Amino acid sequence: MKFKIGDVVQLRSGGPHMTVQNIGEYVVANPGVMCVWFDGSKKLEDVFHPDSLELYSRAAEG
């Protein structure tokens, strides 16, 4: 797997920066990457297929 727990990732299509919380086999995505992020003070989490994610790079922003 190309990601490790603690990596900051983003969906290839864009969206918020997320932190990898866990990696495993999930019903919704097998294999799956559990990510967490915040919307204001609200913590959100979801599972994504690793092919839908990329490592976030601050250098890419400018």
C-alpha atoms as a PDB file:
ATOM      1  CA  MET A   1       0.000   0.000   0.000  1.00  0.00           C
ATOM      2  CA  LYS A   2       1.312   3.436  -0.881  1.00  0.00           C
ATOM      3  CA  PHE A   3      -0.099   5.195   2.189  1.00  0.00           C
ATOM      4  CA  LYS A   4       0.734   4.906   5.871  1.00  0.00           C
ATOM      5  CA  ILE A   5      -1.115   5.975   9.001  1.00  0.00           C
ATOM      6  CA  GLY A   6      -0.593   9.685   9.591  1.00  0.00           C
ATOM      7  CA  ASP A   7      -0.137  10.613   5.914  1.00  0.00           C
ATOM      8  CA  VAL A   8      -2.030  13.682   4.723  1.00  0.00           C
ATOM      9  CA  VAL A   9      -4.011  12.835   1.589  1.00  0.00           C
ATOM     10  CA  GLN A  10      -6.597  14.346  -0.704  1.00  0.00           C
ATOM     11  CA  LEU A  11      -9.045  12.865  -3.174  1.00  0.00           C
ATOM     12  CA  ARG A  12      -7.643  12.930  -6.706  1.00  0.00           C
ATOM     13  CA  SER A  13     -10.711  14.968  -7.656  1.00  0.00           C
ATOM     14  CA  GLY A  14      -9.991  17.546  -4.921  1.00  0.00           C
ATOM     15  CA  GLY A  15     -11.581  18.252  -1.580  1.00  0.00           C
ATOM     16  CA  PRO A  16     -10.324  18.674   1.963  1.00  0.00           C
ATOM     17  CA  HIS A  17      -6.958  17.525   3.228  1.00  0.00           C
ATOM     18  CA  MET A  18      -7.473  14.339   5.240  1.00  0.00           C
ATOM     19  CA  THR A  19      -5.315  12.298   7.595  1.00  0.00           C
ATOM     20  CA  VAL A  20      -5.006   8.532   7.146  1.00  0.00           C
ATOM     21  CA  GLN A  21      -6.323   6.973  10.358  1.00  0.00           C
ATOM     22  CA  ASN A  22      -6.344   3.283   9.424  1.00  0.00           C
ATOM     23  CA  ILE A  23      -5.730   0.972   6.490  1.00  0.00           C
ATOM     24  CA  GLY A  24      -7.572  -2.294   6.067  1.00  0.00           C
ATOM     25  CA  GLU A  25     -10.337  -4.216   4.389  1.00  0.00           C
ATOM     26  CA  TYR A  26     -13.723  -2.539   4.497  1.00  0.00           C
ATOM     27  CA  VAL A  27     -17.066  -3.467   2.960  1.00  0.00           C
ATOM     28  CA  VAL A  28     -17.306  -0.144   1.085  1.00  0.00           C
ATOM     29  CA  ALA A  29     -13.742  -0.303  -0.314  1.00  0.00           C
ATOM     30  CA  ASN A  30     -11.569  -3.380  -0.251  1.00  0.00           C
ATOM     31  CA  PRO A  31      -8.767  -2.445   0.296  1.00  0.00           C
ATOM     32  CA  GLY A  32      -9.721   0.757   2.051  1.00  0.00           C
ATOM     33  CA  VAL A  33      -8.130   3.776   3.647  1.00  0.00           C
ATOM     34  CA  MET A  34      -9.981   5.300   6.619  1.00  0.00           C
ATOM     35  CA  CYS A  35      -9.475   9.060   6.572  1.00  0.00           C
ATOM     36  CA  VAL A  36     -10.461  11.788   9.023  1.00  0.00           C
ATOM     37  CA  TRP A  37     -10.853  15.530   8.492  1.00  0.00           C
ATOM     38  CA  PHE A  38     -12.589  18.488  10.077  1.00  0.00           C
ATOM     39  CA  ASP A  39     -15.429  20.672   8.848  1.00  0.00           C
ATOM     40  CA  GLY A  40     -15.022  23.562  11.249  1.00  0.00           C
ATOM     41  CA  SER A  41     -14.974  21.848  14.636  1.00  0.00           C
ATOM     42  CA  LYS A  42     -16.894  18.771  13.437  1.00  0.00           C
ATOM     43  CA  LYS A  43     -14.777  15.639  12.939  1.00  0.00           C
ATOM     44  CA  LEU A  44     -15.700  13.594   9.865  1.00  0.00           C
ATOM     45  CA  GLU A  45     -14.414  10.231   8.667  1.00  0.00           C
ATOM     46  CA  ASP A  46     -14.927   7.927   5.722  1.00  0.00           C
ATOM     47  CA  VAL A  47     -13.295   5.041   3.872  1.00  0.00           C
ATOM     48  CA  PHE A  48     -11.848   5.519   0.395  1.00  0.00           C
ATOM     49  CA  HIS A  49     -10.255   3.170  -2.113  1.00  0.00           C
ATOM     50  CA  PRO A  50      -6.506   3.894  -2.241  1.00  0.00           C
ATOM     51  CA  ASP A  51      -6.655   4.530  -6.003  1.00  0.00           C
ATOM     52  CA  SER A  52      -8.958   7.504  -5.351  1.00  0.00           C
ATOM     53  CA  LEU A  53      -6.393   9.219  -3.092  1.00  0.00           C
ATOM     54  CA  GLU A  54      -3.089  11.008  -3.540  1.00  0.00           C
ATOM     55  CA  LEU A  55      -0.556  12.288  -1.041  1.00  0.00           C
ATOM     56  CA  TYR A  56      -1.075  15.953  -0.263  1.00  0.00           C
ATOM     57  CA  SER A  57       1.928  18.138  -0.992  1.00  0.00           C
ATOM     58  CA  ARG A  58       2.185  21.739   0.200  1.00  0.00           C
ATOM     59  CA  ALA A  59       4.787  22.323  -2.524  1.00  0.00           C
ATOM     60  CA  ALA A  60       2.098  21.662  -5.151  1.00  0.00           C
ATOM     61  CA  GLU A  61       0.114  24.656  -3.829  1.00  0.00           C
ATOM     62  CA  GLY A  62       2.783  27.144  -4.687  1.00  0.00           C
END
